[in-house]
Amino acid sequence: MRFLILIAPLLLAADPCFASSIAIQNASFELPAIAPGTFSTVSAPPGWQGYGSLNFGNRTIGVLNPATTVLYGAAVPDGSNVGVVFLLDNPAQQMQFASLEAGLRQTLTSTLQTSTRYTLEVEVGNIAVDPTPPHNQFAFGGFPGYRVDLLAGGTVLASDTNTLLPSEGGFATSTVLFEVGASHPLAGQPLGIRLVNLNAAPGIEVNFDDVRLDATPISSWSDLGFAKAGVAGLPSLVGSGPLTVGQLNQLVLTQAAPASPAWIVASATALHAPLFGGVLVPAPDIVLYRPTNAFGSAVTSFALSPGVPAGASLYFQHWILDPAATDSLAASNAVRGTTPL
């Protein structure tokens, strides 16, 4: 088929790294730049907006540079600053709390994609009591709780709600995972991140740092069998990648004869033809020379061109020159990849 012909030049592309980082503005709250031992809570940090009930007075957001203080027992996770969500409901009785959550939020330029696994990681800090001015005026003892939200189109996809209790003056890593299948009602909507002080216990402030979001393509790949044994047993072929237009996918051959001539066969049609004592599963629409390395492996990367229909099946199989195999040819199992609907 035409789209298979168009992927052929890409089958020899460099090996991809499947997880990709999604851009987040001011992810470590280094802006605004402030002096060590100071804080700035007169406005939202650049790239971020407020969430919930804030007045930029006793309920506010901003940044803190804790260097030269005892607010944290070690250097912050990334850079100099951390994000601040400070909620002081009663300055005269600082141990009181209103259970009125608020925090920081950011809408990203990236959108929710199908067949993708998202991993959101944030460092969550439990600020300690500091007996020196100006920080000694605040009763930071305790921890008011936190939540980290991953959103799309303003709707929460997944959250980590206060599963960690960082040590006083320390940080812990919050992780939020969300996997999108072949379709999702919010696909194409902007992704978002929300960092929340739950204001649910004494402690006043939660800090956040080093916000990162990765996207890893996933897709439907099937092992069809029909491997033909060689010197190392049955060669193994594994497919991975999203099978979406323009994104890299990977075929990994292992357990084949080392440093041997080999060919990968690709097609949109399953043939299942007897061949040299084995079964050729894909029709030979594309046959590319892809020799094995000294370990009996070969890695092939490819991308699909525009015009590939949704739900299309693609078939792949390796054939390897191997004197230990019958008719001197071994074959991997065939794999089938199905493009997302």
C-alpha atoms as a PDB file:
ATOM      1  CA  MET A   1       0.000   0.000   0.000  1.00  0.00           C
ATOM      2  CA  ARG A   2       1.081   3.579  -0.612  1.00  0.00           C
ATOM      3  CA  PHE A   3       1.655   4.492   3.031  1.00  0.00           C
ATOM      4  CA  LEU A   4       3.910   1.466   3.537  1.00  0.00           C
ATOM      5  CA  ILE A   5       6.060   2.578   0.631  1.00  0.00           C
ATOM      6  CA  LEU A   6       6.348   6.011   2.233  1.00  0.00           C
ATOM      7  CA  ILE A   7       7.638   4.616   5.527  1.00  0.00           C
ATOM      8  CA  ALA A   8      10.437   2.646   3.888  1.00  0.00           C
ATOM      9  CA  PRO A   9      13.045   5.470   3.933  1.00  0.00           C
ATOM     10  CA  LEU A  10      12.422   5.891   7.662  1.00  0.00           C
ATOM     11  CA  LEU A  11      12.919   2.254   8.609  1.00  0.00           C
ATOM     12  CA  LEU A  12      16.637   2.889   8.996  1.00  0.00           C
ATOM     13  CA  ALA A  13      16.235   5.991  11.179  1.00  0.00           C
ATOM     14  CA  ALA A  14      18.120   6.467  14.421  1.00  0.00           C
ATOM     15  CA  ASP A  15      16.832   4.693  17.498  1.00  0.00           C
ATOM     16  CA  PRO A  16      14.223   6.886  19.232  1.00  0.00           C
ATOM     17  CA  CYS A  17      13.833   7.820  22.858  1.00  0.00           C
ATOM     18  CA  PHE A  18      10.128   7.296  23.377  1.00  0.00           C
ATOM     19  CA  ALA A  19       9.488   9.388  26.477  1.00  0.00           C
ATOM     20  CA  SER A  20       9.446  13.100  25.697  1.00  0.00           C
ATOM     21  CA  SER A  21       9.404  16.026  28.110  1.00  0.00           C
ATOM     22  CA  ILE A  22       6.500  18.456  27.828  1.00  0.00           C
ATOM     23  CA  ALA A  23       7.391  22.141  28.158  1.00  0.00           C
ATOM     24  CA  ILE A  24       6.374  23.823  31.426  1.00  0.00           C
ATOM     25  CA  GLN A  25       6.987  27.531  31.978  1.00  0.00           C
ATOM     26  CA  ASN A  26       9.077  28.412  35.033  1.00  0.00           C
ATOM     27  CA  ALA A  27       8.961  24.776  36.127  1.00  0.00           C
ATOM     28  CA  SER A  28      11.344  25.318  39.057  1.00  0.00           C
ATOM     29  CA  PHE A  29      10.059  28.778  40.037  1.00  0.00           C
ATOM     30  CA  GLU A  30      13.385  30.486  39.329  1.00  0.00           C
ATOM     31  CA  LEU A  31      11.482  33.590  38.267  1.00  0.00           C
ATOM     32  CA  PRO A  32      11.339  36.098  39.741  1.00  0.00           C
ATOM     33  CA  ALA A  33      14.966  35.976  40.847  1.00  0.00           C
ATOM     34  CA  ILE A  34      15.156  36.936  44.524  1.00  0.00           C
ATOM     35  CA  ALA A  35      17.911  37.186  47.120  1.00  0.00           C
ATOM     36  CA  PRO A  36      18.788  34.241  49.381  1.00  0.00           C
ATOM     37  CA  GLY A  37      16.667  34.122  52.514  1.00  0.00           C
ATOM     38  CA  THR A  38      13.814  36.146  51.011  1.00  0.00           C
ATOM     39  CA  PHE A  39      10.396  35.513  49.500  1.00  0.00           C
ATOM     40  CA  SER A  40       8.125  37.266  47.021  1.00  0.00           C
ATOM     41  CA  THR A  41       4.362  36.774  47.334  1.00  0.00           C
ATOM     42  CA  VAL A  42       2.928  39.902  45.747  1.00  0.00           C
ATOM     43  CA  SER A  43       1.975  38.195  42.463  1.00  0.00           C
ATOM     44  CA  ALA A  44       1.882  34.814  40.770  1.00  0.00           C
ATOM     45  CA  PRO A  45       5.267  33.537  39.546  1.00  0.00           C
ATOM     46  CA  PRO A  46       5.746  34.084  35.781  1.00  0.00           C
ATOM     47  CA  GLY A  47       4.038  31.341  33.793  1.00  0.00           C
ATOM     48  CA  TRP A  48       1.705  30.448  36.667  1.00  0.00           C
ATOM     49  CA  GLN A  49      -1.717  31.653  37.787  1.00  0.00           C
ATOM     50  CA  GLY A  50      -3.568  31.508  41.053  1.00  0.00           C
ATOM     51  CA  TYR A  51      -6.147  28.864  41.872  1.00  0.00           C
ATOM     52  CA  GLY A  52      -8.810  29.213  44.554  1.00  0.00           C
ATOM     53  CA  SER A  53      -9.351  31.963  47.103  1.00  0.00           C
ATOM     54  CA  LEU A  54      -6.266  34.206  47.179  1.00  0.00           C
ATOM     55  CA  ASN A  55      -5.774  37.840  48.225  1.00  0.00           C
ATOM     56  CA  PHE A  56      -1.967  38.224  47.943  1.00  0.00           C
ATOM     57  CA  GLY A  57      -1.941  39.077  51.612  1.00  0.00           C
ATOM     58  CA  ASN A  58      -2.434  36.335  54.171  1.00  0.00           C
ATOM     59  CA  ARG A  59      -3.587  33.920  51.413  1.00  0.00           C
ATOM     60  CA  THR A  60      -1.065  34.128  48.630  1.00  0.00           C
ATOM     61  CA  ILE A  61       1.284  32.448  46.165  1.00  0.00           C
ATOM     62  CA  GLY A  62       4.799  33.273  45.027  1.00  0.00           C
ATOM     63  CA  VAL A  63       8.399  32.102  45.403  1.00  0.00           C
ATOM     64  CA  LEU A  64      10.877  31.530  48.226  1.00  0.00           C
ATOM     65  CA  ASN A  65      14.679  31.326  48.174  1.00  0.00           C
ATOM     66  CA  PRO A  66      15.430  29.419  51.395  1.00  0.00           C
ATOM     67  CA  ALA A  67      19.232  29.592  51.143  1.00  0.00           C
ATOM     68  CA  THR A  68      20.864  30.993  54.330  1.00  0.00           C
ATOM     69  CA  THR A  69      17.811  29.907  56.403  1.00  0.00           C
ATOM     70  CA  VAL A  70      16.875  26.731  58.277  1.00  0.00           C
ATOM     71  CA  LEU A  71      13.531  26.480  56.481  1.00  0.00           C
ATOM     72  CA  TYR A  72      14.977  23.499  54.596  1.00  0.00           C
ATOM     73  CA  GLY A  73      17.718  21.188  55.786  1.00  0.00           C
ATOM     74  CA  ALA A  74      19.407  20.852  52.396  1.00  0.00           C
ATOM     75  CA  ALA A  75      19.524  22.530  49.007  1.00  0.00           C
ATOM     76  CA  VAL A  76      16.182  22.662  47.222  1.00  0.00           C
ATOM     77  CA  PRO A  77      15.624  20.008  44.523  1.00  0.00           C
ATOM     78  CA  ASP A  78      16.313  22.267  41.536  1.00  0.00           C
ATOM     79  CA  GLY A  79      17.742  25.766  41.274  1.00  0.00           C
ATOM     80  CA  SER A  80      17.456  28.333  44.064  1.00  0.00           C
ATOM     81  CA  ASN A  81      13.729  29.055  44.448  1.00  0.00           C
ATOM     82  CA  VAL A  82      10.655  27.027  45.304  1.00  0.00           C
ATOM     83  CA  GLY A  83       7.010  27.792  44.654  1.00  0.00           C
ATOM     84  CA  VAL A  84       4.939  29.032  47.588  1.00  0.00           C
ATOM     85  CA  VAL A  85       1.294  28.443  48.484  1.00  0.00           C
ATOM     86  CA  PHE A  86       0.796  30.298  51.791  1.00  0.00           C
ATOM     87  CA  LEU A  87      -2.635  30.156  53.452  1.00  0.00           C
ATOM     88  CA  LEU A  88      -2.885  31.905  56.838  1.00  0.00           C
ATOM     89  CA  ASP A  89      -6.559  32.096  57.778  1.00  0.00           C
ATOM     90  CA  ASN A  90      -6.183  33.689  61.228  1.00  0.00           C
ATOM     91  CA  PRO A  91      -2.982  35.666  61.868  1.00  0.00           C
ATOM     92  CA  ALA A  92      -3.852  35.879  65.569  1.00  0.00           C
ATOM     93  CA  GLN A  93      -4.331  32.101  65.845  1.00  0.00           C
ATOM     94  CA  GLN A  94      -2.024  30.643  63.219  1.00  0.00           C
ATOM     95  CA  MET A  95      -2.854  27.024  64.067  1.00  0.00           C
ATOM     96  CA  GLN A  96      -6.407  27.565  62.821  1.00  0.00           C
ATOM     97  CA  PHE A  97      -7.260  26.570  59.263  1.00  0.00           C
ATOM     98  CA  ALA A  98     -10.350  26.969  57.108  1.00  0.00           C
ATOM     99  CA  SER A  99     -10.007  23.877  54.861  1.00  0.00           C
ATOM    100  CA  LEU A 100     -10.286  26.278  51.919  1.00  0.00           C
ATOM    101  CA  GLU A 101      -7.796  24.996  49.346  1.00  0.00           C
ATOM    102  CA  ALA A 102      -5.848  27.210  46.940  1.00  0.00           C
ATOM    103  CA  GLY A 103      -2.707  27.013  44.864  1.00  0.00           C
ATOM    104  CA  LEU A 104      -0.864  27.451  41.583  1.00  0.00           C
ATOM    105  CA  ARG A 105      -2.027  26.412  38.140  1.00  0.00           C
ATOM    106  CA  GLN A 106      -0.659  26.466  34.603  1.00  0.00           C
ATOM    107  CA  THR A 107      -2.240  25.691  31.237  1.00  0.00           C
ATOM    108  CA  LEU A 108       0.307  24.159  28.864  1.00  0.00           C
ATOM    109  CA  THR A 109       0.692  24.597  25.116  1.00  0.00           C
ATOM    110  CA  SER A 110       0.728  20.802  24.656  1.00  0.00           C
ATOM    111  CA  THR A 111      -2.565  18.991  24.216  1.00  0.00           C
ATOM    112  CA  LEU A 112      -3.853  15.611  25.396  1.00  0.00           C
ATOM    113  CA  GLN A 113      -2.870  12.890  22.931  1.00  0.00           C
ATOM    114  CA  THR A 114      -4.357   9.442  22.509  1.00  0.00           C
ATOM    115  CA  SER A 115      -2.306   6.263  22.989  1.00  0.00           C
ATOM    116  CA  THR A 116      -0.029   8.067  25.445  1.00  0.00           C
ATOM    117  CA  ARG A 117       1.089   7.535  29.030  1.00  0.00           C
ATOM    118  CA  TYR A 118       1.639  10.744  31.029  1.00  0.00           C
ATOM    119  CA  THR A 119       3.906  10.966  34.075  1.00  0.00           C
ATOM    120  CA  LEU A 120       3.726  14.147  36.167  1.00  0.00           C
ATOM    121  CA  GLU A 121       6.348  14.512  38.910  1.00  0.00           C
ATOM    122  CA  VAL A 122       6.595  17.356  41.424  1.00  0.00           C
ATOM    123  CA  GLU A 123       8.795  17.884  44.465  1.00  0.00           C
ATOM    124  CA  VAL A 124       6.595  18.715  47.465  1.00  0.00           C
ATOM    125  CA  GLY A 125       8.173  20.556  50.401  1.00  0.00           C
ATOM    126  CA  ASN A 126       7.281  20.704  54.104  1.00  0.00           C
ATOM    127  CA  ILE A 127       8.717  24.006  55.304  1.00  0.00           C
ATOM    128  CA  ALA A 128      10.295  24.016  58.779  1.00  0.00           C
ATOM    129  CA  VAL A 129      10.125  26.528  61.607  1.00  0.00           C
ATOM    130  CA  ASP A 130      12.875  29.165  61.438  1.00  0.00           C
ATOM    131  CA  PRO A 131      13.566  31.073  64.682  1.00  0.00           C
ATOM    132  CA  THR A 132      15.211  34.010  62.901  1.00  0.00           C
ATOM    133  CA  PRO A 133      13.402  37.055  61.437  1.00  0.00           C
ATOM    134  CA  PRO A 134      11.462  37.534  59.254  1.00  0.00           C
ATOM    135  CA  HIS A 135      10.425  33.881  59.104  1.00  0.00           C
ATOM    136  CA  ASN A 136       9.968  33.482  62.880  1.00  0.00           C
ATOM    137  CA  GLN A 137       6.638  35.318  62.680  1.00  0.00           C
ATOM    138  CA  PHE A 138       5.039  32.277  60.986  1.00  0.00           C
ATOM    139  CA  ALA A 139       3.988  29.014  62.684  1.00  0.00           C
ATOM    140  CA  PHE A 140       5.229  26.684  59.963  1.00  0.00           C
ATOM    141  CA  GLY A 141       5.119  23.607  62.218  1.00  0.00           C
ATOM    142  CA  GLY A 142       2.832  20.898  60.834  1.00  0.00           C
ATOM    143  CA  PHE A 143       1.758  20.205  57.267  1.00  0.00           C
ATOM    144  CA  PRO A 144      -1.535  21.419  55.733  1.00  0.00           C
ATOM    145  CA  GLY A 145      -1.635  18.747  53.017  1.00  0.00           C
ATOM    146  CA  TYR A 146      -1.233  18.977  49.259  1.00  0.00           C
ATOM    147  CA  ARG A 147      -2.669  17.821  45.965  1.00  0.00           C
ATOM    148  CA  VAL A 148      -1.090  17.609  42.510  1.00  0.00           C
ATOM    149  CA  ASP A 149      -3.544  17.560  39.585  1.00  0.00           C
ATOM    150  CA  LEU A 150      -3.053  16.734  35.911  1.00  0.00           C
ATOM    151  CA  LEU A 151      -5.784  18.297  33.771  1.00  0.00           C
ATOM    152  CA  ALA A 152      -6.973  18.523  30.180  1.00  0.00           C
ATOM    153  CA  GLY A 153      -9.378  21.227  29.081  1.00  0.00           C
ATOM    154  CA  GLY A 154      -9.740  22.252  32.731  1.00  0.00           C
ATOM    155  CA  THR A 155     -10.955  18.775  33.745  1.00  0.00           C
ATOM    156  CA  VAL A 156      -8.940  16.722  36.229  1.00  0.00           C
ATOM    157  CA  LEU A 157      -7.513  13.562  34.655  1.00  0.00           C
ATOM    158  CA  ALA A 158      -5.586  12.228  37.656  1.00  0.00           C
ATOM    159  CA  SER A 159      -4.344  13.443  41.034  1.00  0.00           C
ATOM    160  CA  ASP A 160      -2.029  12.691  43.911  1.00  0.00           C
ATOM    161  CA  THR A 161      -3.944  13.756  47.006  1.00  0.00           C
ATOM    162  CA  ASN A 162      -1.706  13.998  50.059  1.00  0.00           C
ATOM    163  CA  THR A 163      -0.214  10.506  49.785  1.00  0.00           C
ATOM    164  CA  LEU A 164       3.164  11.761  51.039  1.00  0.00           C
ATOM    165  CA  LEU A 165       4.274  13.408  54.260  1.00  0.00           C
ATOM    166  CA  PRO A 166       7.644  15.048  53.617  1.00  0.00           C
ATOM    167  CA  SER A 167       9.855  15.327  56.661  1.00  0.00           C
ATOM    168  CA  GLU A 168       9.924  18.777  58.217  1.00  0.00           C
ATOM    169  CA  GLY A 169      12.429  20.808  56.239  1.00  0.00           C
ATOM    170  CA  GLY A 170      12.456  18.229  53.443  1.00  0.00           C
ATOM    171  CA  PHE A 171      10.963  17.336  50.075  1.00  0.00           C
ATOM    172  CA  ALA A 172       9.270  14.235  48.672  1.00  0.00           C
ATOM    173  CA  THR A 173       8.459  13.360  45.058  1.00  0.00           C
ATOM    174  CA  SER A 174       4.796  13.288  44.080  1.00  0.00           C
ATOM    175  CA  THR A 175       3.998  11.179  40.997  1.00  0.00           C
ATOM    176  CA  VAL A 176       0.767  11.275  38.989  1.00  0.00           C
ATOM    177  CA  LEU A 177       0.234   8.707  36.212  1.00  0.00           C
ATOM    178  CA  PHE A 178      -2.438   8.803  33.528  1.00  0.00           C
ATOM    179  CA  GLU A 179      -2.770   6.573  30.487  1.00  0.00           C
ATOM    180  CA  VAL A 180      -4.853   7.521  27.431  1.00  0.00           C
ATOM    181  CA  GLY A 181      -6.164   4.779  25.184  1.00  0.00           C
ATOM    182  CA  ALA A 182      -7.031   4.869  21.500  1.00  0.00           C
ATOM    183  CA  SER A 183      -9.669   7.552  22.119  1.00  0.00           C
ATOM    184  CA  HIS A 184     -10.574  10.051  24.833  1.00  0.00           C
ATOM    185  CA  PRO A 185     -13.298  12.746  24.997  1.00  0.00           C
ATOM    186  CA  LEU A 186     -10.710  15.379  25.961  1.00  0.00           C
ATOM    187  CA  ALA A 187      -8.172  14.490  23.257  1.00  0.00           C
ATOM    188  CA  GLY A 188      -6.802  17.674  21.709  1.00  0.00           C
ATOM    189  CA  GLN A 189      -7.571  19.806  24.776  1.00  0.00           C
ATOM    190  CA  PRO A 190      -4.729  21.753  26.448  1.00  0.00           C
ATOM    191  CA  LEU A 191      -2.999  19.972  29.299  1.00  0.00           C
ATOM    192  CA  GLY A 192      -2.799  21.667  32.661  1.00  0.00           C
ATOM    193  CA  ILE A 193      -1.067  21.328  36.034  1.00  0.00           C
ATOM    194  CA  ARG A 194      -2.405  22.377  39.428  1.00  0.00           C
ATOM    195  CA  LEU A 195      -0.400  22.480  42.671  1.00  0.00           C
ATOM    196  CA  VAL A 196      -2.655  22.782  45.704  1.00  0.00           C
ATOM    197  CA  ASN A 197      -2.305  23.541  49.408  1.00  0.00           C
ATOM    198  CA  LEU A 198      -5.255  21.650  50.931  1.00  0.00           C
ATOM    199  CA  ASN A 199      -5.355  23.954  53.977  1.00  0.00           C
ATOM    200  CA  ALA A 200      -6.622  20.918  55.901  1.00  0.00           C
ATOM    201  CA  ALA A 201      -4.316  20.937  58.949  1.00  0.00           C
ATOM    202  CA  PRO A 202      -1.991  23.320  60.804  1.00  0.00           C
ATOM    203  CA  GLY A 203       1.121  24.307  58.905  1.00  0.00           C
ATOM    204  CA  ILE A 204       0.216  27.300  56.695  1.00  0.00           C
ATOM    205  CA  GLU A 205       2.528  26.690  53.717  1.00  0.00           C
ATOM    206  CA  VAL A 206       3.303  24.060  51.085  1.00  0.00           C
ATOM    207  CA  ASN A 207       6.225  24.471  48.686  1.00  0.00           C
ATOM    208  CA  PHE A 208       6.623  22.971  45.219  1.00  0.00           C
ATOM    209  CA  ASP A 209       9.668  22.583  42.968  1.00  0.00           C
ATOM    210  CA  ASP A 210      10.996  20.896  39.818  1.00  0.00           C
ATOM    211  CA  VAL A 211       7.678  20.271  38.054  1.00  0.00           C
ATOM    212  CA  ARG A 212       8.089  17.881  35.120  1.00  0.00           C
ATOM    213  CA  LEU A 213       5.717  16.109  32.760  1.00  0.00           C
ATOM    214  CA  ASP A 214       6.696  13.309  30.377  1.00  0.00           C
ATOM    215  CA  ALA A 215       4.667  11.687  27.600  1.00  0.00           C
ATOM    216  CA  THR A 216       5.352   8.120  26.459  1.00  0.00           C
ATOM    217  CA  PRO A 217       3.561   6.747  23.391  1.00  0.00           C
ATOM    218  CA  ILE A 218       1.734   3.449  23.797  1.00  0.00           C
ATOM    219  CA  SER A 219      -0.126   1.387  21.255  1.00  0.00           C
ATOM    220  CA  SER A 220      -1.538  -2.001  20.466  1.00  0.00           C
ATOM    221  CA  TRP A 221       1.072  -4.519  19.339  1.00  0.00           C
ATOM    222  CA  SER A 222       0.424  -8.261  19.036  1.00  0.00           C
ATOM    223  CA  ASP A 223       2.798 -11.228  18.843  1.00  0.00           C
ATOM    224  CA  LEU A 224       1.573 -13.494  16.039  1.00  0.00           C
ATOM    225  CA  GLY A 225       4.125 -16.273  16.486  1.00  0.00           C
ATOM    226  CA  PHE A 226       5.609 -18.301  13.558  1.00  0.00           C
ATOM    227  CA  ALA A 227       9.257 -17.964  14.625  1.00  0.00           C
ATOM    228  CA  LYS A 228      11.681 -20.442  13.021  1.00  0.00           C
ATOM    229  CA  ALA A 229      14.619 -21.612  15.158  1.00  0.00           C
ATOM    230  CA  GLY A 230      18.255 -20.828  14.507  1.00  0.00           C
ATOM    231  CA  VAL A 231      21.559 -21.041  16.349  1.00  0.00           C
ATOM    232  CA  ALA A 232      20.246 -19.155  19.419  1.00  0.00           C
ATOM    233  CA  GLY A 233      16.793 -20.708  19.456  1.00  0.00           C
ATOM    234  CA  LEU A 234      13.715 -18.790  18.347  1.00  0.00           C
ATOM    235  CA  PRO A 235      14.512 -15.203  17.255  1.00  0.00           C
ATOM    236  CA  SER A 236      12.288 -12.670  19.033  1.00  0.00           C
ATOM    237  CA  LEU A 237      10.763  -9.518  17.511  1.00  0.00           C
ATOM    238  CA  VAL A 238       9.044  -6.905  19.715  1.00  0.00           C
ATOM    239  CA  GLY A 239       7.236  -3.813  18.421  1.00  0.00           C
ATOM    240  CA  SER A 240       6.586  -0.607  20.353  1.00  0.00           C
ATOM    241  CA  GLY A 241       5.481   2.956  19.666  1.00  0.00           C
ATOM    242  CA  PRO A 242       2.233   4.868  19.063  1.00  0.00           C
ATOM    243  CA  LEU A 243       1.725   4.157  15.331  1.00  0.00           C
ATOM    244  CA  THR A 244       0.527   7.720  14.857  1.00  0.00           C
ATOM    245  CA  VAL A 245       1.563   9.920  11.935  1.00  0.00           C
ATOM    246  CA  GLY A 246       5.061  11.349  12.258  1.00  0.00           C
ATOM    247  CA  GLN A 247       5.894   9.615  15.564  1.00  0.00           C
ATOM    248  CA  LEU A 248       8.758   7.152  15.796  1.00  0.00           C
ATOM    249  CA  ASN A 249       8.113   3.451  16.415  1.00  0.00           C
ATOM    250  CA  GLN A 250      10.600   0.685  17.132  1.00  0.00           C
ATOM    251  CA  LEU A 251      11.086  -2.964  16.187  1.00  0.00           C
ATOM    252  CA  VAL A 252      13.663  -4.836  18.282  1.00  0.00           C
ATOM    253  CA  LEU A 253      15.059  -8.186  17.134  1.00  0.00           C
ATOM    254  CA  THR A 254      16.944 -10.361  19.659  1.00  0.00           C
ATOM    255  CA  GLN A 255      18.131 -13.993  19.928  1.00  0.00           C
ATOM    256  CA  ALA A 256      19.174 -14.140  16.277  1.00  0.00           C
ATOM    257  CA  ALA A 257      22.450 -15.339  14.762  1.00  0.00           C
ATOM    258  CA  PRO A 258      25.177 -12.793  15.591  1.00  0.00           C
ATOM    259  CA  ALA A 259      26.674 -10.584  12.871  1.00  0.00           C
ATOM    260  CA  SER A 260      24.527 -12.132  10.173  1.00  0.00           C
ATOM    261  CA  PRO A 261      22.698 -10.891   7.087  1.00  0.00           C
ATOM    262  CA  ALA A 262      19.014 -10.340   7.873  1.00  0.00           C
ATOM    263  CA  TRP A 263      15.976  -8.744   6.280  1.00  0.00           C
ATOM    264  CA  ILE A 264      12.856  -7.171   7.711  1.00  0.00           C
ATOM    265  CA  VAL A 265       9.607  -7.730   5.826  1.00  0.00           C
ATOM    266  CA  ALA A 266       6.726  -5.266   6.251  1.00  0.00           C
ATOM    267  CA  SER A 267       3.222  -5.148   4.853  1.00  0.00           C
ATOM    268  CA  ALA A 268      -0.351  -4.099   5.508  1.00  0.00           C
ATOM    269  CA  THR A 269      -1.380  -7.597   4.401  1.00  0.00           C
ATOM    270  CA  ALA A 270      -0.893 -10.915   6.186  1.00  0.00           C
ATOM    271  CA  LEU A 271       0.175 -13.626   3.713  1.00  0.00           C
ATOM    272  CA  HIS A 272       1.028 -16.654   5.908  1.00  0.00           C
ATOM    273  CA  ALA A 273       2.938 -18.317   3.069  1.00  0.00           C
ATOM    274  CA  PRO A 274       5.135 -21.408   3.624  1.00  0.00           C
ATOM    275  CA  LEU A 275       8.778 -20.472   3.052  1.00  0.00           C
ATOM    276  CA  PHE A 276      11.991 -22.484   3.647  1.00  0.00           C
ATOM    277  CA  GLY A 277      10.379 -24.614   6.325  1.00  0.00           C
ATOM    278  CA  GLY A 278       8.807 -21.649   8.076  1.00  0.00           C
ATOM    279  CA  VAL A 279       5.930 -19.221   7.539  1.00  0.00           C
ATOM    280  CA  LEU A 280       6.299 -15.799   5.920  1.00  0.00           C
ATOM    281  CA  VAL A 281       3.557 -13.831   7.675  1.00  0.00           C
ATOM    282  CA  PRO A 282       3.685 -10.381   5.996  1.00  0.00           C
ATOM    283  CA  ALA A 283       3.285 -10.078   2.252  1.00  0.00           C
ATOM    284  CA  PRO A 284       6.701  -8.991   0.892  1.00  0.00           C
ATOM    285  CA  ASP A 285       5.608  -5.434   0.057  1.00  0.00           C
ATOM    286  CA  ILE A 286       8.698  -3.973   1.769  1.00  0.00           C
ATOM    287  CA  VAL A 287      11.885  -5.994   2.230  1.00  0.00           C
ATOM    288  CA  LEU A 288      14.843  -4.141   3.733  1.00  0.00           C
ATOM    289  CA  TYR A 289      18.313  -5.398   4.565  1.00  0.00           C
ATOM    290  CA  ARG A 290      18.813  -5.120   8.338  1.00  0.00           C
ATOM    291  CA  PRO A 291      21.775  -7.259   9.525  1.00  0.00           C
ATOM    292  CA  THR A 292      22.237  -8.285  13.128  1.00  0.00           C
ATOM    293  CA  ASN A 293      24.993  -6.973  15.371  1.00  0.00           C
ATOM    294  CA  ALA A 294      27.551  -8.999  17.322  1.00  0.00           C
ATOM    295  CA  PHE A 295      24.903  -9.808  19.925  1.00  0.00           C
ATOM    296  CA  GLY A 296      22.354 -11.123  17.455  1.00  0.00           C
ATOM    297  CA  SER A 297      20.166  -8.039  17.693  1.00  0.00           C
ATOM    298  CA  ALA A 298      18.847  -5.401  15.317  1.00  0.00           C
ATOM    299  CA  VAL A 299      16.818  -2.278  16.020  1.00  0.00           C
ATOM    300  CA  THR A 300      14.640  -0.720  13.326  1.00  0.00           C
ATOM    301  CA  SER A 301      12.841   2.600  13.695  1.00  0.00           C
ATOM    302  CA  PHE A 302      10.123   3.985  11.462  1.00  0.00           C
ATOM    303  CA  ALA A 303       7.361   6.575  11.244  1.00  0.00           C
ATOM    304  CA  LEU A 304       4.070   6.515   9.372  1.00  0.00           C
ATOM    305  CA  SER A 305       3.252   9.082   6.714  1.00  0.00           C
ATOM    306  CA  PRO A 306      -0.059  10.989   6.470  1.00  0.00           C
ATOM    307  CA  GLY A 307      -2.887   8.995   4.992  1.00  0.00           C
ATOM    308  CA  VAL A 308      -2.586   5.894   7.148  1.00  0.00           C
ATOM    309  CA  PRO A 309      -6.155   4.895   8.043  1.00  0.00           C
ATOM    310  CA  ALA A 310      -7.267   4.506  11.648  1.00  0.00           C
ATOM    311  CA  GLY A 311      -7.434   0.901  12.789  1.00  0.00           C
ATOM    312  CA  ALA A 312      -5.036  -0.282  10.081  1.00  0.00           C
ATOM    313  CA  SER A 313      -3.004  -3.437  10.750  1.00  0.00           C
ATOM    314  CA  LEU A 314       0.711  -3.504   9.904  1.00  0.00           C
ATOM    315  CA  TYR A 315       2.701  -6.759   9.863  1.00  0.00           C
ATOM    316  CA  PHE A 316       6.461  -7.176  10.431  1.00  0.00           C
ATOM    317  CA  GLN A 317       8.846 -10.144  10.509  1.00  0.00           C
ATOM    318  CA  HIS A 318      12.631 -10.677  10.383  1.00  0.00           C
ATOM    319  CA  TRP A 319      14.360 -13.375   8.334  1.00  0.00           C
ATOM    320  CA  ILE A 320      17.984 -14.176   9.204  1.00  0.00           C
ATOM    321  CA  LEU A 321      20.714 -16.079   7.353  1.00  0.00           C
ATOM    322  CA  ASP A 322      21.645 -18.797   9.858  1.00  0.00           C
ATOM    323  CA  PRO A 323      23.597 -21.994   8.967  1.00  0.00           C
ATOM    324  CA  ALA A 324      22.139 -23.703  12.047  1.00  0.00           C
ATOM    325  CA  ALA A 325      18.574 -23.317  10.749  1.00  0.00           C
ATOM    326  CA  THR A 326      16.890 -25.600   8.244  1.00  0.00           C
ATOM    327  CA  ASP A 327      17.529 -24.272   4.744  1.00  0.00           C
ATOM    328  CA  SER A 328      20.010 -21.871   6.444  1.00  0.00           C
ATOM    329  CA  LEU A 329      17.226 -19.371   7.207  1.00  0.00           C
ATOM    330  CA  ALA A 330      15.767 -18.548  10.620  1.00  0.00           C
ATOM    331  CA  ALA A 331      12.769 -16.289  11.161  1.00  0.00           C
ATOM    332  CA  SER A 332      11.492 -14.202  14.030  1.00  0.00           C
ATOM    333  CA  ASN A 333       7.944 -14.241  15.224  1.00  0.00           C
ATOM    334  CA  ALA A 334       5.709 -11.849  13.316  1.00  0.00           C
ATOM    335  CA  VAL A 335       4.199  -8.826  15.049  1.00  0.00           C
ATOM    336  CA  ARG A 336       1.115  -6.830  14.191  1.00  0.00           C
ATOM    337  CA  GLY A 337       0.722  -3.171  15.065  1.00  0.00           C
ATOM    338  CA  THR A 338      -2.704  -1.548  14.916  1.00  0.00           C
ATOM    339  CA  THR A 339      -3.007   2.205  14.371  1.00  0.00           C
ATOM    340  CA  PRO A 340      -5.216   4.088  16.878  1.00  0.00           C
ATOM    341  CA  LEU A 341      -8.891   4.601  16.079  1.00  0.00           C
END
